[in-house]
Amino acid sequence: MKKIFTLLLFVCVVAFAKAQTMQVSGKVTSANDGQTLPGTSVIVKGTLTGAITDEKGEYKISCDKNAVLQFRFTGMKTAEIAVNGQTVINAVLQIESNVTKEVVITAIGVKKEKRSLGYATQQISSDDLTRGENTSALSALQGKISGVNIT
């Protein structure tokens, strides 16, 4: 009798815990042009649970019925939407207005400003590339930056 009671108690606890979580799905689009945003991060706020939207901008994630979902995409403002027991949540992301003018990508990371780098850099402008009689983009780059070999 004690084993049956323990088993019944365990089943009730598991069923109660399962009832608190639910499957949420939806689509993420851009407010600018209505295009879907594949590769958007969908994260349950305050947890390590997350998902990524597929090539159609669709996602599926398991979360608590009272959770808050965060939607993040590069160049867009992060959106937070409360689940409130909904099973379908479509998110529309706004374009981030304060886009940096220059980003330097290096072998050791990404810097927003050149002056914060601890080493020398070189840059070429579009005028440098269009000057002369170049037959391709590769020949336009040849010899413009020291240490770069174009083959």
N, C-alpha and C. Protein backbone atom coordinates (compact mmCIF):
# COMPACT_ATOMS: atom_id res chain seq x y z
N MET A 1 0.82 -1.19 0.00
CA MET A 1 0.00 0.00 0.00
C MET A 1 0.87 1.26 0.00
N LYS A 2 1.96 1.24 0.73
CA LYS A 2 2.86 2.39 0.81
C LYS A 2 3.50 2.67 -0.56
N LYS A 3 3.85 1.61 -1.31
CA LYS A 3 4.45 1.78 -2.64
C LYS A 3 3.45 2.40 -3.61
N ILE A 4 2.21 1.99 -3.56
CA ILE A 4 1.17 2.52 -4.45
C ILE A 4 0.94 3.99 -4.15
N PHE A 5 0.88 4.34 -2.86
CA PHE A 5 0.69 5.73 -2.47
C PHE A 5 1.85 6.60 -2.96
N THR A 6 3.09 6.11 -2.82
CA THR A 6 4.26 6.85 -3.26
C THR A 6 4.24 7.04 -4.78
N LEU A 7 3.89 6.00 -5.51
CA LEU A 7 3.79 6.07 -6.96
C LEU A 7 2.71 7.06 -7.38
N LEU A 8 1.56 7.02 -6.74
CA LEU A 8 0.47 7.94 -7.05
C LEU A 8 0.88 9.38 -6.76
N LEU A 9 1.57 9.62 -5.66
CA LEU A 9 2.05 10.95 -5.32
C LEU A 9 3.06 11.46 -6.36
N PHE A 10 3.95 10.58 -6.79
CA PHE A 10 4.95 10.94 -7.80
C PHE A 10 4.27 11.31 -9.12
N VAL A 11 3.29 10.54 -9.54
CA VAL A 11 2.56 10.82 -10.79
C VAL A 11 1.85 12.17 -10.70
N CYS A 12 1.25 12.47 -9.56
CA CYS A 12 0.56 13.76 -9.38
C CYS A 12 1.53 14.93 -9.45
N VAL A 13 2.70 14.79 -8.82
CA VAL A 13 3.71 15.86 -8.84
C VAL A 13 4.21 16.09 -10.26
N VAL A 14 4.49 15.02 -11.00
CA VAL A 14 4.97 15.14 -12.38
C VAL A 14 3.89 15.77 -13.26
N ALA A 15 2.64 15.36 -13.09
CA ALA A 15 1.54 15.91 -13.88
C ALA A 15 1.35 17.39 -13.58
N PHE A 16 1.47 17.78 -12.31
CA PHE A 16 1.33 19.19 -11.94
C PHE A 16 2.47 20.01 -12.52
N ALA A 17 3.69 19.50 -12.46
CA ALA A 17 4.85 20.22 -13.01
C ALA A 17 4.73 20.34 -14.53
N LYS A 18 4.24 19.30 -15.19
CA LYS A 18 4.08 19.31 -16.65
C LYS A 18 3.00 20.30 -17.07
N ALA A 19 1.97 20.48 -16.24
CA ALA A 19 0.89 21.40 -16.56
C ALA A 19 1.36 22.85 -16.53
N GLN A 20 2.45 23.16 -15.84
CA GLN A 20 2.95 24.53 -15.76
C GLN A 20 3.71 24.94 -17.02
N THR A 21 4.29 23.97 -17.74
CA THR A 21 5.03 24.31 -18.95
C THR A 21 4.14 24.08 -20.17
N MET A 22 4.45 24.84 -21.21
CA MET A 22 3.67 24.72 -22.43
C MET A 22 4.56 25.00 -23.64
N GLN A 23 4.10 24.61 -24.80
CA GLN A 23 4.82 24.83 -26.05
C GLN A 23 4.29 26.12 -26.68
N VAL A 24 5.21 27.06 -26.95
CA VAL A 24 4.85 28.32 -27.59
C VAL A 24 5.53 28.35 -28.96
N SER A 25 4.82 28.81 -29.97
CA SER A 25 5.40 28.93 -31.31
C SER A 25 4.95 30.25 -31.91
N GLY A 26 5.56 30.60 -33.04
CA GLY A 26 5.18 31.83 -33.70
C GLY A 26 6.17 32.20 -34.78
N LYS A 27 6.05 33.43 -35.26
CA LYS A 27 6.89 33.93 -36.35
C LYS A 27 7.43 35.30 -35.95
N VAL A 28 8.68 35.58 -36.37
CA VAL A 28 9.32 36.86 -36.08
C VAL A 28 9.52 37.60 -37.40
N THR A 29 9.03 38.85 -37.47
CA THR A 29 9.14 39.65 -38.68
C THR A 29 9.70 41.04 -38.36
N SER A 30 10.11 41.73 -39.41
CA SER A 30 10.63 43.09 -39.29
C SER A 30 9.49 44.08 -39.44
N ALA A 31 9.47 45.12 -38.61
CA ALA A 31 8.44 46.15 -38.71
C ALA A 31 8.67 47.02 -39.93
N ASN A 32 9.90 47.08 -40.42
CA ASN A 32 10.25 47.93 -41.54
C ASN A 32 9.62 47.45 -42.85
N ASP A 33 9.81 46.17 -43.18
CA ASP A 33 9.33 45.66 -44.47
C ASP A 33 8.47 44.40 -44.35
N GLY A 34 8.24 43.92 -43.14
CA GLY A 34 7.40 42.74 -42.96
C GLY A 34 8.08 41.43 -43.30
N GLN A 35 9.37 41.46 -43.64
CA GLN A 35 10.11 40.24 -43.97
C GLN A 35 10.36 39.43 -42.71
N THR A 36 10.41 38.11 -42.86
CA THR A 36 10.72 37.25 -41.73
C THR A 36 12.20 37.41 -41.36
N LEU A 37 12.53 37.11 -40.11
CA LEU A 37 13.89 37.27 -39.61
C LEU A 37 14.45 35.92 -39.17
N PRO A 38 15.02 35.15 -40.10
CA PRO A 38 15.63 33.87 -39.72
C PRO A 38 16.89 34.13 -38.89
N GLY A 39 17.11 33.29 -37.89
CA GLY A 39 18.29 33.43 -37.04
C GLY A 39 18.05 34.32 -35.83
N THR A 40 16.81 34.69 -35.55
CA THR A 40 16.50 35.49 -34.37
C THR A 40 16.58 34.61 -33.12
N SER A 41 17.20 35.13 -32.06
CA SER A 41 17.27 34.42 -30.79
C SER A 41 15.99 34.64 -30.02
N VAL A 42 15.38 33.56 -29.56
CA VAL A 42 14.20 33.62 -28.71
C VAL A 42 14.59 33.00 -27.38
N ILE A 43 14.57 33.80 -26.31
CA ILE A 43 15.07 33.35 -25.01
C ILE A 43 13.97 33.55 -23.97
N VAL A 44 13.82 32.57 -23.08
CA VAL A 44 12.93 32.72 -21.94
C VAL A 44 13.68 33.57 -20.92
N LYS A 45 13.17 34.74 -20.62
CA LYS A 45 13.85 35.70 -19.77
C LYS A 45 14.15 35.09 -18.40
N GLY A 46 15.40 35.26 -17.96
CA GLY A 46 15.82 34.77 -16.66
C GLY A 46 16.23 33.31 -16.63
N THR A 47 16.25 32.66 -17.79
CA THR A 47 16.66 31.25 -17.85
C THR A 47 17.69 31.08 -18.96
N LEU A 48 18.15 29.85 -19.10
CA LEU A 48 19.07 29.51 -20.19
C LEU A 48 18.34 28.83 -21.34
N THR A 49 17.01 28.78 -21.28
CA THR A 49 16.20 28.15 -22.32
C THR A 49 16.06 29.10 -23.49
N GLY A 50 16.33 28.60 -24.69
CA GLY A 50 16.23 29.44 -25.87
C GLY A 50 16.03 28.65 -27.14
N ALA A 51 15.76 29.37 -28.21
CA ALA A 51 15.57 28.77 -29.53
C ALA A 51 16.00 29.80 -30.57
N ILE A 52 16.19 29.33 -31.79
CA ILE A 52 16.55 30.19 -32.92
C ILE A 52 15.48 30.01 -34.00
N THR A 53 15.08 31.10 -34.64
CA THR A 53 14.08 30.98 -35.70
C THR A 53 14.69 30.31 -36.93
N ASP A 54 13.87 29.55 -37.65
CA ASP A 54 14.33 28.84 -38.84
C ASP A 54 14.33 29.77 -40.06
N GLU A 55 14.51 29.21 -41.25
CA GLU A 55 14.59 30.03 -42.47
C GLU A 55 13.29 30.74 -42.79
N LYS A 56 12.17 30.31 -42.21
CA LYS A 56 10.89 30.97 -42.42
C LYS A 56 10.58 31.98 -41.31
N GLY A 57 11.52 32.15 -40.36
CA GLY A 57 11.31 33.06 -39.24
C GLY A 57 10.43 32.48 -38.15
N GLU A 58 10.23 31.15 -38.16
CA GLU A 58 9.36 30.50 -37.19
C GLU A 58 10.17 29.85 -36.08
N TYR A 59 9.57 29.76 -34.88
CA TYR A 59 10.25 29.17 -33.73
C TYR A 59 9.26 28.34 -32.91
N LYS A 60 9.80 27.46 -32.07
CA LYS A 60 9.03 26.69 -31.09
C LYS A 60 9.88 26.62 -29.84
N ILE A 61 9.27 26.86 -28.68
CA ILE A 61 9.99 26.85 -27.42
C ILE A 61 9.07 26.40 -26.29
N SER A 62 9.61 25.67 -25.34
CA SER A 62 8.85 25.26 -24.16
C SER A 62 9.16 26.22 -23.03
N CYS A 63 8.10 26.71 -22.37
CA CYS A 63 8.30 27.65 -21.28
C CYS A 63 7.12 27.60 -20.32
N ASP A 64 7.26 28.32 -19.23
CA ASP A 64 6.20 28.45 -18.24
C ASP A 64 5.08 29.31 -18.82
N LYS A 65 3.85 29.09 -18.38
CA LYS A 65 2.74 29.85 -18.95
C LYS A 65 2.76 31.33 -18.57
N ASN A 66 3.56 31.69 -17.55
CA ASN A 66 3.67 33.09 -17.15
C ASN A 66 5.04 33.68 -17.49
N ALA A 67 5.79 33.05 -18.38
CA ALA A 67 7.13 33.49 -18.73
C ALA A 67 7.09 34.73 -19.64
N VAL A 68 8.28 35.33 -19.81
CA VAL A 68 8.45 36.45 -20.73
C VAL A 68 9.49 36.02 -21.77
N LEU A 69 9.16 36.18 -23.05
CA LEU A 69 10.08 35.82 -24.13
C LEU A 69 10.81 37.06 -24.62
N GLN A 70 12.12 36.92 -24.84
CA GLN A 70 12.94 37.99 -25.40
C GLN A 70 13.32 37.61 -26.82
N PHE A 71 13.14 38.54 -27.76
CA PHE A 71 13.47 38.33 -29.16
C PHE A 71 14.62 39.26 -29.51
N ARG A 72 15.75 38.69 -29.99
CA ARG A 72 16.95 39.47 -30.30
C ARG A 72 17.44 39.15 -31.71
N PHE A 73 17.73 40.22 -32.46
CA PHE A 73 18.27 40.08 -33.80
C PHE A 73 19.21 41.25 -34.04
N THR A 74 20.34 41.01 -34.68
CA THR A 74 21.33 42.05 -34.92
C THR A 74 20.74 43.19 -35.73
N GLY A 75 20.92 44.41 -35.25
CA GLY A 75 20.41 45.59 -35.94
C GLY A 75 18.97 45.93 -35.59
N MET A 76 18.35 45.13 -34.71
CA MET A 76 16.97 45.36 -34.31
C MET A 76 16.91 45.55 -32.79
N LYS A 77 15.87 46.26 -32.34
CA LYS A 77 15.67 46.44 -30.91
C LYS A 77 15.17 45.13 -30.31
N THR A 78 15.64 44.82 -29.10
CA THR A 78 15.18 43.63 -28.40
C THR A 78 13.73 43.83 -27.97
N ALA A 79 12.89 42.82 -28.21
CA ALA A 79 11.48 42.88 -27.83
C ALA A 79 11.22 41.86 -26.73
N GLU A 80 10.41 42.24 -25.75
CA GLU A 80 10.00 41.33 -24.69
C GLU A 80 8.48 41.21 -24.73
N ILE A 81 8.00 39.97 -24.78
CA ILE A 81 6.57 39.71 -24.85
C ILE A 81 6.20 38.68 -23.78
N ALA A 82 5.21 38.99 -22.96
CA ALA A 82 4.73 38.07 -21.93
C ALA A 82 3.89 36.98 -22.57
N VAL A 83 4.09 35.75 -22.13
CA VAL A 83 3.36 34.61 -22.71
C VAL A 83 1.90 34.63 -22.29
N ASN A 84 1.62 34.79 -21.00
CA ASN A 84 0.25 34.85 -20.47
C ASN A 84 -0.64 33.71 -20.96
N GLY A 85 -0.09 32.51 -21.06
CA GLY A 85 -0.86 31.34 -21.45
C GLY A 85 -1.12 31.20 -22.94
N GLN A 86 -0.61 32.11 -23.77
CA GLN A 86 -0.81 32.03 -25.22
C GLN A 86 0.09 30.95 -25.82
N THR A 87 -0.40 30.25 -26.81
CA THR A 87 0.41 29.22 -27.47
C THR A 87 1.04 29.72 -28.77
N VAL A 88 0.53 30.84 -29.32
CA VAL A 88 1.10 31.43 -30.54
C VAL A 88 1.43 32.89 -30.25
N ILE A 89 2.71 33.24 -30.42
CA ILE A 89 3.15 34.62 -30.22
C ILE A 89 3.98 35.03 -31.44
N ASN A 90 3.47 35.98 -32.18
CA ASN A 90 4.20 36.53 -33.32
C ASN A 90 4.84 37.84 -32.88
N ALA A 91 6.14 37.98 -33.14
CA ALA A 91 6.87 39.17 -32.72
C ALA A 91 7.23 40.02 -33.94
N VAL A 92 7.15 41.34 -33.79
CA VAL A 92 7.55 42.29 -34.82
C VAL A 92 8.65 43.15 -34.21
N LEU A 93 9.85 43.10 -34.81
CA LEU A 93 10.99 43.82 -34.28
C LEU A 93 11.22 45.14 -35.02
N GLN A 94 11.53 46.18 -34.25
CA GLN A 94 11.81 47.51 -34.79
C GLN A 94 13.30 47.62 -35.11
N ILE A 95 13.65 48.45 -36.10
CA ILE A 95 15.04 48.68 -36.46
C ILE A 95 15.70 49.54 -35.39
N GLU A 96 16.92 49.19 -35.03
CA GLU A 96 17.71 49.95 -34.06
C GLU A 96 18.16 51.23 -34.73
N SER A 97 17.90 52.37 -34.12
CA SER A 97 18.19 53.65 -34.77
C SER A 97 19.63 54.11 -34.57
N ASN A 98 20.29 53.72 -33.50
CA ASN A 98 21.66 54.19 -33.27
C ASN A 98 22.67 53.15 -33.76
N VAL A 99 22.78 53.06 -35.07
CA VAL A 99 23.71 52.14 -35.69
C VAL A 99 25.09 52.81 -35.76
N THR A 100 26.14 52.06 -35.43
CA THR A 100 27.47 52.63 -35.45
C THR A 100 27.92 52.85 -36.89
N LYS A 101 28.77 53.84 -37.08
CA LYS A 101 29.25 54.16 -38.42
C LYS A 101 30.34 53.21 -38.86
N GLU A 102 31.14 52.74 -37.92
CA GLU A 102 32.28 51.93 -38.29
C GLU A 102 32.49 50.82 -37.28
N VAL A 103 32.69 49.62 -37.78
CA VAL A 103 33.00 48.47 -36.94
C VAL A 103 34.26 47.84 -37.48
N VAL A 104 35.20 47.55 -36.59
CA VAL A 104 36.45 46.93 -36.98
C VAL A 104 36.42 45.49 -36.51
N ILE A 105 36.53 44.54 -37.44
CA ILE A 105 36.54 43.12 -37.12
C ILE A 105 37.97 42.64 -37.20
N THR A 106 38.45 42.08 -36.10
CA THR A 106 39.83 41.61 -36.05
C THR A 106 39.85 40.13 -35.67
N ALA A 107 41.04 39.58 -35.62
CA ALA A 107 41.18 38.17 -35.25
C ALA A 107 40.88 37.94 -33.77
N ILE A 108 40.95 38.99 -32.96
CA ILE A 108 40.71 38.82 -31.52
C ILE A 108 39.41 39.44 -31.06
N GLY A 109 38.56 39.88 -31.95
CA GLY A 109 37.26 40.40 -31.53
C GLY A 109 36.76 41.51 -32.43
N VAL A 110 35.68 42.15 -31.99
CA VAL A 110 35.05 43.24 -32.73
C VAL A 110 35.12 44.50 -31.88
N LYS A 111 35.56 45.59 -32.46
CA LYS A 111 35.63 46.88 -31.77
C LYS A 111 34.72 47.86 -32.49
N LYS A 112 34.03 48.70 -31.75
CA LYS A 112 33.14 49.69 -32.35
C LYS A 112 33.90 50.89 -32.87
N GLU A 113 35.04 51.21 -32.26
CA GLU A 113 35.81 52.37 -32.68
C GLU A 113 37.25 51.98 -32.92
N LYS A 114 37.84 52.60 -33.93
CA LYS A 114 39.23 52.33 -34.26
C LYS A 114 40.18 52.81 -33.17
N ARG A 115 39.86 53.94 -32.53
CA ARG A 115 40.80 54.51 -31.56
C ARG A 115 40.95 53.65 -30.31
N SER A 116 40.04 52.72 -30.06
CA SER A 116 40.15 51.87 -28.87
C SER A 116 41.03 50.64 -29.12
N LEU A 117 41.56 50.49 -30.35
CA LEU A 117 42.43 49.37 -30.66
C LEU A 117 43.84 49.65 -30.15
N GLY A 118 44.55 48.62 -29.72
CA GLY A 118 45.90 48.77 -29.23
C GLY A 118 46.95 48.53 -30.30
N TYR A 119 46.60 48.56 -31.55
CA TYR A 119 47.54 48.30 -32.63
C TYR A 119 47.12 49.09 -33.87
N ALA A 120 48.01 49.16 -34.85
CA ALA A 120 47.77 49.96 -36.04
C ALA A 120 46.79 49.27 -36.98
N THR A 121 46.00 50.08 -37.66
CA THR A 121 45.07 49.57 -38.67
C THR A 121 45.21 50.41 -39.93
N GLN A 122 44.72 49.88 -41.02
CA GLN A 122 44.66 50.62 -42.28
C GLN A 122 43.27 50.47 -42.86
N GLN A 123 42.88 51.45 -43.62
CA GLN A 123 41.58 51.38 -44.26
C GLN A 123 41.69 51.92 -45.68
N ILE A 124 40.77 51.47 -46.52
CA ILE A 124 40.69 52.01 -47.87
C ILE A 124 39.26 52.46 -48.09
N SER A 125 39.12 53.52 -48.87
CA SER A 125 37.79 54.06 -49.13
C SER A 125 37.30 53.57 -50.50
N SER A 126 36.07 53.86 -50.78
CA SER A 126 35.51 53.48 -52.07
C SER A 126 36.19 54.25 -53.20
N ASP A 127 36.66 55.47 -52.91
CA ASP A 127 37.38 56.25 -53.93
C ASP A 127 38.68 55.55 -54.32
N ASP A 128 39.36 54.95 -53.33
CA ASP A 128 40.60 54.23 -53.62
C ASP A 128 40.33 53.03 -54.53
N LEU A 129 39.20 52.39 -54.36
CA LEU A 129 38.88 51.20 -55.15
C LEU A 129 38.45 51.55 -56.57
N THR A 130 37.82 52.70 -56.76
CA THR A 130 37.33 53.06 -58.10
C THR A 130 38.37 53.80 -58.93
N ARG A 131 39.44 54.26 -58.30
CA ARG A 131 40.51 54.96 -59.01
C ARG A 131 41.31 53.98 -59.86
N GLY A 132 41.59 54.31 -61.07
CA GLY A 132 42.39 53.45 -61.94
C GLY A 132 41.54 52.54 -62.80
N GLU A 133 42.23 51.75 -63.61
CA GLU A 133 41.53 50.83 -64.50
C GLU A 133 41.61 49.42 -63.94
N ASN A 134 40.69 49.10 -63.08
CA ASN A 134 40.65 47.78 -62.46
C ASN A 134 39.57 46.95 -63.13
N THR A 135 39.91 45.70 -63.38
CA THR A 135 38.95 44.82 -64.04
C THR A 135 38.11 44.02 -63.05
N SER A 136 38.55 43.98 -61.78
CA SER A 136 37.78 43.24 -60.77
C SER A 136 38.02 43.86 -59.40
N ALA A 137 37.23 43.45 -58.44
CA ALA A 137 37.38 43.95 -57.07
C ALA A 137 38.71 43.48 -56.48
N LEU A 138 39.13 42.28 -56.83
CA LEU A 138 40.41 41.77 -56.31
C LEU A 138 41.59 42.58 -56.83
N SER A 139 41.58 42.93 -58.09
CA SER A 139 42.69 43.73 -58.62
C SER A 139 42.65 45.15 -58.06
N ALA A 140 41.48 45.65 -57.69
CA ALA A 140 41.38 46.97 -57.08
C ALA A 140 41.99 46.96 -55.68
N LEU A 141 41.91 45.85 -54.97
CA LEU A 141 42.48 45.74 -53.62
C LEU A 141 43.97 45.47 -53.62
N GLN A 142 44.48 44.91 -54.70
CA GLN A 142 45.89 44.51 -54.78
C GLN A 142 46.80 45.72 -54.53
N GLY A 143 47.69 45.58 -53.53
CA GLY A 143 48.69 46.60 -53.24
C GLY A 143 48.19 47.80 -52.46
N LYS A 144 46.94 47.82 -52.05
CA LYS A 144 46.39 48.97 -51.33
C LYS A 144 46.69 48.92 -49.84
N ILE A 145 46.74 47.71 -49.25
CA ILE A 145 47.00 47.56 -47.80
C ILE A 145 48.23 46.70 -47.63
N SER A 146 49.17 47.18 -46.81
CA SER A 146 50.40 46.42 -46.59
C SER A 146 50.11 45.14 -45.83
N GLY A 147 50.80 44.08 -46.23
CA GLY A 147 50.65 42.79 -45.55
C GLY A 147 49.54 41.93 -46.07
N VAL A 148 48.74 42.42 -47.02
CA VAL A 148 47.63 41.64 -47.57
C VAL A 148 48.02 41.18 -48.95
N ASN A 149 47.98 39.87 -49.17
CA ASN A 149 48.28 39.29 -50.48
C ASN A 149 46.99 38.82 -51.11
N ILE A 150 46.72 39.27 -52.31
CA ILE A 150 45.52 38.88 -53.04
C ILE A 150 45.96 37.91 -54.13
N THR A 151 45.36 36.72 -54.13
CA THR A 151 45.68 35.74 -55.19
C THR A 151 44.40 35.29 -55.86
